[in-house]
PDB file of all heavy atoms in Angstrom:
ATOM      1  N   SER A   1     108.391 104.406  85.531  1.00  0.00           N
ATOM      2  CA  SER A   1     107.027 103.975  85.234  1.00  0.00           C
ATOM      3  C   SER A   1     105.988 105.127  85.303  1.00  0.00           C
ATOM      4  O   SER A   1     105.035 105.118  84.521  1.00  0.00           O
ATOM      5  CB  SER A   1     106.635 102.887  86.287  1.00  0.00           C
ATOM      6  OG  SER A   1     107.428 101.756  86.138  1.00  0.00           O
ATOM      7  N   VAL A   2     106.218 106.074  86.149  1.00  0.00           N
ATOM      8  CA  VAL A   2     105.242 107.209  86.214  1.00  0.00           C
ATOM      9  C   VAL A   2     105.256 107.960  84.934  1.00  0.00           C
ATOM     10  O   VAL A   2     104.189 108.314  84.408  1.00  0.00           O
ATOM     11  CB  VAL A   2     105.608 108.162  87.417  1.00  0.00           C
ATOM     12  CG1 VAL A   2     104.685 109.342  87.429  1.00  0.00           C
ATOM     13  CG2 VAL A   2     105.363 107.393  88.746  1.00  0.00           C
ATOM     14  N   GLN A   3     106.448 108.267  84.418  1.00  0.00           N
ATOM     15  CA  GLN A   3     106.523 108.990  83.111  1.00  0.00           C
ATOM     16  C   GLN A   3     105.852 108.150  82.053  1.00  0.00           C
ATOM     17  O   GLN A   3     105.196 108.759  81.191  1.00  0.00           O
ATOM     18  CB  GLN A   3     107.982 109.196  82.781  1.00  0.00           C
ATOM     19  CG  GLN A   3     108.153 109.907  81.442  1.00  0.00           C
ATOM     20  CD  GLN A   3     109.595 109.889  80.904  1.00  0.00           C
ATOM     21  OE1 GLN A   3     110.519 109.249  81.519  1.00  0.00           O
ATOM     22  NE2 GLN A   3     109.818 110.446  79.764  1.00  0.00           N
ATOM     23  N   ASN A   4     106.099 106.834  82.054  1.00  0.00           N
ATOM     24  CA  ASN A   4     105.459 106.010  81.036  1.00  0.00           C
ATOM     25  C   ASN A   4     103.962 106.129  80.967  1.00  0.00           C
ATOM     26  O   ASN A   4     103.362 106.268  79.949  1.00  0.00           O
ATOM     27  CB  ASN A   4     105.845 104.537  81.241  1.00  0.00           C
ATOM     28  CG  ASN A   4     107.376 104.263  81.086  1.00  0.00           C
ATOM     29  OD1 ASN A   4     108.043 105.173  80.643  1.00  0.00           O
ATOM     30  ND2 ASN A   4     107.758 103.103  81.483  1.00  0.00           N
ATOM     31  N   VAL A   5     103.376 106.111  82.132  1.00  0.00           N
ATOM     32  CA  VAL A   5     101.890 106.246  82.269  1.00  0.00           C
ATOM     33  C   VAL A   5     101.455 107.679  81.813  1.00  0.00           C
ATOM     34  O   VAL A   5     100.501 107.781  81.053  1.00  0.00           O
ATOM     35  CB  VAL A   5     101.402 105.947  83.690  1.00  0.00           C
ATOM     36  CG1 VAL A   5      99.897 106.204  83.839  1.00  0.00           C
ATOM     37  CG2 VAL A   5     101.740 104.532  84.099  1.00  0.00           C
ATOM     38  N   MET A   6     102.119 108.652  82.296  1.00  0.00           N
ATOM     39  CA  MET A   6     101.800 110.059  81.966  1.00  0.00           C
ATOM     40  C   MET A   6     101.769 110.286  80.462  1.00  0.00           C
ATOM     41  O   MET A   6     100.946 111.085  79.962  1.00  0.00           O
ATOM     42  CB  MET A   6     102.728 111.025  82.646  1.00  0.00           C
ATOM     43  CG  MET A   6     102.594 111.070  84.180  1.00  0.00           C
ATOM     44  SD  MET A   6     101.046 111.707  84.762  1.00  0.00           S
ATOM     45  CE  MET A   6     101.261 113.447  84.381  1.00  0.00           C
ATOM     46  N   GLU A   7     102.692 109.670  79.722  1.00  0.00           N
ATOM     47  CA  GLU A   7     102.782 109.921  78.328  1.00  0.00           C
ATOM     48  C   GLU A   7     101.664 109.334  77.476  1.00  0.00           C
ATOM     49  O   GLU A   7     101.471 109.723  76.283  1.00  0.00           O
ATOM     50  CB  GLU A   7     104.119 109.342  77.806  1.00  0.00           C
ATOM     51  CG  GLU A   7     105.279 110.219  78.204  1.00  0.00           C
ATOM     52  CD  GLU A   7     106.566 109.976  77.391  1.00  0.00           C
ATOM     53  OE1 GLU A   7     106.446 109.444  76.285  1.00  0.00           O
ATOM     54  OE2 GLU A   7     107.629 110.396  77.821  1.00  0.00           O
ATOM     55  N   THR A   8     100.772 108.493  78.059  1.00  0.00           N
ATOM     56  CA  THR A   8      99.626 108.026  77.396  1.00  0.00           C
ATOM     57  C   THR A   8      98.713 109.160  77.011  1.00  0.00           C
ATOM     58  O   THR A   8      97.883 109.083  76.050  1.00  0.00           O
ATOM     59  CB  THR A   8      98.843 107.008  78.185  1.00  0.00           C
ATOM     60  OG1 THR A   8      98.350 107.627  79.404  1.00  0.00           O
ATOM     61  CG2 THR A   8      99.658 105.748  78.524  1.00  0.00           C
ATOM     62  N   ARG A   9      98.818 110.266  77.673  1.00  0.00           N
ATOM     63  CA  ARG A   9      97.960 111.438  77.395  1.00  0.00           C
ATOM     64  C   ARG A   9      98.269 112.040  76.024  1.00  0.00           C
ATOM     65  O   ARG A   9      97.383 112.637  75.417  1.00  0.00           O
ATOM     66  CB  ARG A   9      98.135 112.562  78.455  1.00  0.00           C
ATOM     67  CG  ARG A   9      97.791 112.089  79.895  1.00  0.00           C
ATOM     68  CD  ARG A   9      97.988 113.179  80.916  1.00  0.00           C
ATOM     69  NE  ARG A   9      99.338 113.627  80.960  1.00  0.00           N
ATOM     70  CZ  ARG A   9      99.791 114.644  81.741  1.00  0.00           C
ATOM     71  NH1 ARG A   9      98.899 115.219  82.619  1.00  0.00           N
ATOM     72  NH2 ARG A   9     101.100 115.004  81.772  1.00  0.00           N
ATOM     73  N   ALA A  10      99.463 111.886  75.511  1.00  0.00           N
ATOM     74  CA  ALA A  10      99.860 112.489  74.235  1.00  0.00           C
ATOM     75  C   ALA A  10     100.210 111.510  73.144  1.00  0.00           C
ATOM     76  O   ALA A  10     100.467 111.860  72.052  1.00  0.00           O
ATOM     77  CB  ALA A  10     100.990 113.456  74.485  1.00  0.00           C
ATOM     78  N   ARG A  11     100.170 110.159  73.499  1.00  0.00           N
ATOM     79  CA  ARG A  11     100.571 109.167  72.552  1.00  0.00           C
ATOM     80  C   ARG A  11      99.369 108.589  71.834  1.00  0.00           C
ATOM     81  O   ARG A  11      98.234 108.664  72.254  1.00  0.00           O
ATOM     82  CB  ARG A  11     101.386 108.072  73.273  1.00  0.00           C
ATOM     83  CG  ARG A  11     102.618 108.562  73.942  1.00  0.00           C
ATOM     84  CD  ARG A  11     103.778 108.660  72.955  1.00  0.00           C
ATOM     85  NE  ARG A  11     105.012 108.888  73.650  1.00  0.00           N
ATOM     86  CZ  ARG A  11     106.278 108.497  73.205  1.00  0.00           C
ATOM     87  NH1 ARG A  11     106.328 107.929  71.970  1.00  0.00           N
ATOM     88  NH2 ARG A  11     107.340 108.731  73.886  1.00  0.00           N
ATOM     89  N   GLY A  12      99.729 107.883  70.708  1.00  0.00           N
ATOM     90  CA  GLY A  12      98.674 107.310  69.894  1.00  0.00           C
ATOM     91  C   GLY A  12      98.649 105.760  69.991  1.00  0.00           C
ATOM     92  O   GLY A  12      99.129 105.157  70.969  1.00  0.00           O
ATOM     93  N   GLY A  13      98.138 105.113  69.008  1.00  0.00           N
ATOM     94  CA  GLY A  13      97.928 103.669  68.962  1.00  0.00           C
ATOM     95  C   GLY A  13      99.190 102.878  68.749  1.00  0.00           C
ATOM     96  O   GLY A  13      99.189 101.635  68.771  1.00  0.00           O
ATOM     97  N   ASP A  14     100.363 103.539  68.568  1.00  0.00           N
ATOM     98  CA  ASP A  14     101.625 102.848  68.323  1.00  0.00           C
ATOM     99  C   ASP A  14     102.502 102.926  69.642  1.00  0.00           C
ATOM    100  O   ASP A  14     103.659 102.524  69.575  1.00  0.00           O
ATOM    101  CB  ASP A  14     102.409 103.500  67.186  1.00  0.00           C
ATOM    102  CG  ASP A  14     102.744 104.951  67.509  1.00  0.00           C
ATOM    103  OD1 ASP A  14     102.185 105.503  68.480  1.00  0.00           O
ATOM    104  OD2 ASP A  14     103.587 105.554  66.823  1.00  0.00           O
ATOM    105  N   TYR A  15     101.878 103.176  70.750  1.00  0.00           N
ATOM    106  CA  TYR A  15     102.636 103.314  72.020  1.00  0.00           C
ATOM    107  C   TYR A  15     102.426 102.157  72.953  1.00  0.00           C
ATOM    108  O   TYR A  15     101.270 101.706  73.257  1.00  0.00           O
ATOM    109  CB  TYR A  15     102.163 104.564  72.740  1.00  0.00           C
ATOM    110  CG  TYR A  15     102.936 104.900  74.031  1.00  0.00           C
ATOM    111  CD1 TYR A  15     104.257 105.028  74.083  1.00  0.00           C
ATOM    112  CD2 TYR A  15     102.172 105.164  75.199  1.00  0.00           C
ATOM    113  CE1 TYR A  15     104.937 105.332  75.248  1.00  0.00           C
ATOM    114  CE2 TYR A  15     102.822 105.461  76.396  1.00  0.00           C
ATOM    115  CZ  TYR A  15     104.212 105.539  76.448  1.00  0.00           C
ATOM    116  OH  TYR A  15     104.856 105.857  77.561  1.00  0.00           O
ATOM    117  N   VAL A  16     103.524 101.488  73.306  1.00  0.00           N
ATOM    118  CA  VAL A  16     103.543 100.406  74.346  1.00  0.00           C
ATOM    119  C   VAL A  16     104.488 100.826  75.436  1.00  0.00           C
ATOM    120  O   VAL A  16     105.585 101.365  75.169  1.00  0.00           O
ATOM    121  CB  VAL A  16     103.963  99.094  73.738  1.00  0.00           C
ATOM    122  CG1 VAL A  16     104.085  97.994  74.756  1.00  0.00           C
ATOM    123  CG2 VAL A  16     102.984  98.637  72.618  1.00  0.00           C
ATOM    124  N   PHE A  17     104.098 100.599  76.645  1.00  0.00           N
ATOM    125  CA  PHE A  17     104.947 100.965  77.778  1.00  0.00           C
ATOM    126  C   PHE A  17     104.795  99.955  78.933  1.00  0.00           C
ATOM    127  O   PHE A  17     103.908  99.160  78.911  1.00  0.00           O
ATOM    128  CB  PHE A  17     104.518 102.370  78.291  1.00  0.00           C
ATOM    129  CG  PHE A  17     103.135 102.425  78.926  1.00  0.00           C
ATOM    130  CD1 PHE A  17     102.917 102.334  80.222  1.00  0.00           C
ATOM    131  CD2 PHE A  17     101.993 102.573  78.078  1.00  0.00           C
ATOM    132  CE1 PHE A  17     101.656 102.384  80.823  1.00  0.00           C
ATOM    133  CE2 PHE A  17     100.758 102.627  78.617  1.00  0.00           C
ATOM    134  CZ  PHE A  17     100.586 102.496  79.989  1.00  0.00           C
ATOM    135  N   THR A  18     105.789  99.981  79.865  1.00  0.00           N
ATOM    136  CA  THR A  18     105.740  99.092  80.959  1.00  0.00           C
ATOM    137  C   THR A  18     105.536  99.817  82.294  1.00  0.00           C
ATOM    138  O   THR A  18     106.061 100.981  82.439  1.00  0.00           O
ATOM    139  CB  THR A  18     107.028  98.275  81.048  1.00  0.00           C
ATOM    140  OG1 THR A  18     108.122  99.096  81.289  1.00  0.00           O
ATOM    141  CG2 THR A  18     107.272  97.503  79.770  1.00  0.00           C
ATOM    142  N   THR A  19     104.854  99.197  83.225  1.00  0.00           N
ATOM    143  CA  THR A  19     104.619  99.815  84.497  1.00  0.00           C
ATOM    144  C   THR A  19     103.973  98.751  85.432  1.00  0.00           C
ATOM    145  O   THR A  19     103.336  97.794  84.915  1.00  0.00           O
ATOM    146  CB  THR A  19     103.670 101.029  84.399  1.00  0.00           C
ATOM    147  OG1 THR A  19     103.711 101.778  85.622  1.00  0.00           O
ATOM    148  CG2 THR A  19     102.258 100.645  84.069  1.00  0.00           C
ATOM    149  N   PRO A  20     104.072  98.866  86.698  1.00  0.00           N
ATOM    150  CA  PRO A  20     103.332  97.951  87.620  1.00  0.00           C
ATOM    151  C   PRO A  20     101.850  98.245  87.486  1.00  0.00           C
ATOM    152  O   PRO A  20     101.451  99.440  87.410  1.00  0.00           O
ATOM    153  CB  PRO A  20     103.879  98.356  88.991  1.00  0.00           C
ATOM    154  CG  PRO A  20     105.204  99.054  88.760  1.00  0.00           C
ATOM    155  CD  PRO A  20     105.048  99.742  87.449  1.00  0.00           C
ATOM    156  N   PRO A  21     101.007  97.259  87.556  1.00  0.00           N
ATOM    157  CA  PRO A  21      99.524  97.481  87.465  1.00  0.00           C
ATOM    158  C   PRO A  21      99.038  98.401  88.562  1.00  0.00           C
ATOM    159  O   PRO A  21      98.020  99.158  88.303  1.00  0.00           O
ATOM    160  CB  PRO A  21      98.961  96.015  87.716  1.00  0.00           C
ATOM    161  CG  PRO A  21     100.083  95.144  87.248  1.00  0.00           C
ATOM    162  CD  PRO A  21     101.324  95.796  87.551  1.00  0.00           C
ATOM    163  N   ALA A  22      99.660  98.466  89.685  1.00  0.00           N
ATOM    164  CA  ALA A  22      99.184  99.368  90.785  1.00  0.00           C
ATOM    165  C   ALA A  22      99.223 100.787  90.317  1.00  0.00           C
ATOM    166  O   ALA A  22      98.361 101.583  90.687  1.00  0.00           O
ATOM    167  CB  ALA A  22     100.014  99.168  92.004  1.00  0.00           C
ATOM    168  N   LEU A  23     100.251 101.186  89.543  1.00  0.00           N
ATOM    169  CA  LEU A  23     100.336 102.585  89.070  1.00  0.00           C
ATOM    170  C   LEU A  23      99.201 102.942  88.108  1.00  0.00           C
ATOM    171  O   LEU A  23      98.786 104.068  88.111  1.00  0.00           O
ATOM    172  CB  LEU A  23     101.699 102.799  88.363  1.00  0.00           C
ATOM    173  CG  LEU A  23     102.916 103.180  89.281  1.00  0.00           C
ATOM    174  CD1 LEU A  23     104.080 103.624  88.412  1.00  0.00           C
ATOM    175  CD2 LEU A  23     102.513 104.314  90.254  1.00  0.00           C
ATOM    176  N   VAL A  24      98.827 101.958  87.312  1.00  0.00           N
ATOM    177  CA  VAL A  24      97.647 102.261  86.403  1.00  0.00           C
ATOM    178  C   VAL A  24      96.375 102.555  87.245  1.00  0.00           C
ATOM    179  O   VAL A  24      95.649 103.419  86.855  1.00  0.00           O
ATOM    180  CB  VAL A  24      97.432 101.044  85.427  1.00  0.00           C
ATOM    181  CG1 VAL A  24      96.215 101.276  84.595  1.00  0.00           C
ATOM    182  CG2 VAL A  24      98.685 100.882  84.498  1.00  0.00           C
ATOM    183  N   GLY A  25      96.212 101.769  88.276  1.00  0.00           N
ATOM    184  CA  GLY A  25      95.104 101.956  89.138  1.00  0.00           C
ATOM    185  C   GLY A  25      95.147 103.304  89.814  1.00  0.00           C
ATOM    186  O   GLY A  25      94.098 104.015  89.896  1.00  0.00           O
ATOM    187  N   LEU A  26      96.307 103.754  90.233  1.00  0.00           N
ATOM    188  CA  LEU A  26      96.415 105.095  90.849  1.00  0.00           C
ATOM    189  C   LEU A  26      96.122 106.197  89.842  1.00  0.00           C
ATOM    190  O   LEU A  26      95.507 107.162  90.117  1.00  0.00           O
ATOM    191  CB  LEU A  26      97.857 105.275  91.355  1.00  0.00           C
ATOM    192  CG  LEU A  26      98.237 104.450  92.648  1.00  0.00           C
ATOM    193  CD1 LEU A  26      99.663 104.585  92.993  1.00  0.00           C
ATOM    194  CD2 LEU A  26      97.313 104.833  93.826  1.00  0.00           C
ATOM    195  N   ALA A  27      96.637 105.978  88.607  1.00  0.00           N
ATOM    196  CA  ALA A  27      96.415 106.955  87.508  1.00  0.00           C
ATOM    197  C   ALA A  27      94.917 107.078  87.217  1.00  0.00           C
ATOM    198  O   ALA A  27      94.355 108.202  87.067  1.00  0.00           O
ATOM    199  CB  ALA A  27      97.185 106.589  86.252  1.00  0.00           C
ATOM    200  N   GLN A  28      94.262 106.029  87.071  1.00  0.00           N
ATOM    201  CA  GLN A  28      92.841 106.000  86.735  1.00  0.00           C
ATOM    202  C   GLN A  28      91.974 106.528  87.902  1.00  0.00           C
ATOM    203  O   GLN A  28      90.921 107.062  87.662  1.00  0.00           O
ATOM    204  CB  GLN A  28      92.421 104.583  86.392  1.00  0.00           C
ATOM    205  CG  GLN A  28      93.017 104.083  85.031  1.00  0.00           C
ATOM    206  CD  GLN A  28      92.750 102.684  84.725  1.00  0.00           C
ATOM    207  OE1 GLN A  28      92.413 101.834  85.535  1.00  0.00           O
ATOM    208  NE2 GLN A  28      92.899 102.303  83.432  1.00  0.00           N
ATOM    209  N   GLY A  29      92.534 106.485  89.137  1.00  0.00           N
ATOM    210  CA  GLY A  29      91.797 106.999  90.252  1.00  0.00           C
ATOM    211  C   GLY A  29      92.243 108.423  90.599  1.00  0.00           C
ATOM    212  O   GLY A  29      91.645 109.021  91.548  1.00  0.00           O
ATOM    213  N   GLY A  30      93.259 108.982  89.930  1.00  0.00           N
ATOM    214  CA  GLY A  30      93.747 110.311  90.179  1.00  0.00           C
ATOM    215  C   GLY A  30      94.313 110.422  91.585  1.00  0.00           C
ATOM    216  O   GLY A  30      94.261 111.444  92.235  1.00  0.00           O
ATOM    217  N   LYS A  31      95.036 109.359  91.998  1.00  0.00           N
ATOM    218  CA  LYS A  31      95.587 109.345  93.368  1.00  0.00           C
ATOM    219  C   LYS A  31      97.117 109.414  93.392  1.00  0.00           C
ATOM    220  O   LYS A  31      97.728 109.249  92.358  1.00  0.00           O
ATOM    221  CB  LYS A  31      95.113 108.034  94.102  1.00  0.00           C
ATOM    222  CG  LYS A  31      93.649 107.907  94.253  1.00  0.00           C
ATOM    223  CD  LYS A  31      93.243 106.556  94.855  1.00  0.00           C
ATOM    224  CE  LYS A  31      91.758 106.416  94.999  1.00  0.00           C
ATOM    225  NZ  LYS A  31      91.417 105.116  95.540  1.00  0.00           N
ATOM    226  N   ALA A  32      97.613 109.707  94.590  1.00  0.00           N
ATOM    227  CA  ALA A  32      99.088 109.765  94.847  1.00  0.00           C
ATOM    228  C   ALA A  32      99.741 110.636  93.862  1.00  0.00           C
ATOM    229  O   ALA A  32      99.388 111.848  93.727  1.00  0.00           O
ATOM    230  CB  ALA A  32      99.669 108.303  94.823  1.00  0.00           C
ATOM    231  N   MET A  33     100.777 110.136  93.129  1.00  0.00           N
ATOM    232  CA  MET A  33     101.550 110.991  92.202  1.00  0.00           C
ATOM    233  C   MET A  33     100.749 111.485  91.019  1.00  0.00           C
ATOM    234  O   MET A  33     101.165 112.319  90.261  1.00  0.00           O
ATOM    235  CB  MET A  33     102.821 110.249  91.750  1.00  0.00           C
ATOM    236  CG  MET A  33     102.548 109.021  90.877  1.00  0.00           C
ATOM    237  SD  MET A  33     102.047 107.546  91.835  1.00  0.00           S
ATOM    238  CE  MET A  33     103.480 107.155  92.725  1.00  0.00           C
ATOM    239  N   PHE A  34      99.501 110.968  90.830  1.00  0.00           N
ATOM    240  CA  PHE A  34      98.637 111.409  89.677  1.00  0.00           C
ATOM    241  C   PHE A  34      97.540 112.338  90.190  1.00  0.00           C
ATOM    242  O   PHE A  34      96.706 112.746  89.377  1.00  0.00           O
ATOM    243  CB  PHE A  34      98.010 110.167  89.058  1.00  0.00           C
ATOM    244  CG  PHE A  34      99.008 109.258  88.470  1.00  0.00           C
ATOM    245  CD1 PHE A  34      99.427 108.083  89.115  1.00  0.00           C
ATOM    246  CD2 PHE A  34      99.673 109.553  87.219  1.00  0.00           C
ATOM    247  CE1 PHE A  34     100.341 107.256  88.594  1.00  0.00           C
ATOM    248  CE2 PHE A  34     100.616 108.679  86.723  1.00  0.00           C
ATOM    249  CZ  PHE A  34     100.970 107.525  87.416  1.00  0.00           C
ATOM    250  N   GLU A  35      97.545 112.703  91.487  1.00  0.00           N
ATOM    251  CA  GLU A  35      96.593 113.685  92.018  1.00  0.00           C
ATOM    252  C   GLU A  35      96.679 114.978  91.284  1.00  0.00           C
ATOM    253  O   GLU A  35      97.771 115.587  91.134  1.00  0.00           O
ATOM    254  CB  GLU A  35      96.746 113.869  93.488  1.00  0.00           C
ATOM    255  CG  GLU A  35      95.626 114.647  94.119  1.00  0.00           C
ATOM    256  CD  GLU A  35      95.808 114.785  95.589  1.00  0.00           C
ATOM    257  OE1 GLU A  35      96.697 114.076  96.189  1.00  0.00           O
ATOM    258  OE2 GLU A  35      94.977 115.512  96.217  1.00  0.00           O
TER     259      GLU A  35
END
């Protein structure tokens, strides 16, 4: 899931991925593994 979220940085509008909602929150806050 972490890789899935990280790849949004380079992907376009044809990208769909799966992850727990908690990881999205961490990514948007720049916390934990996304620091």
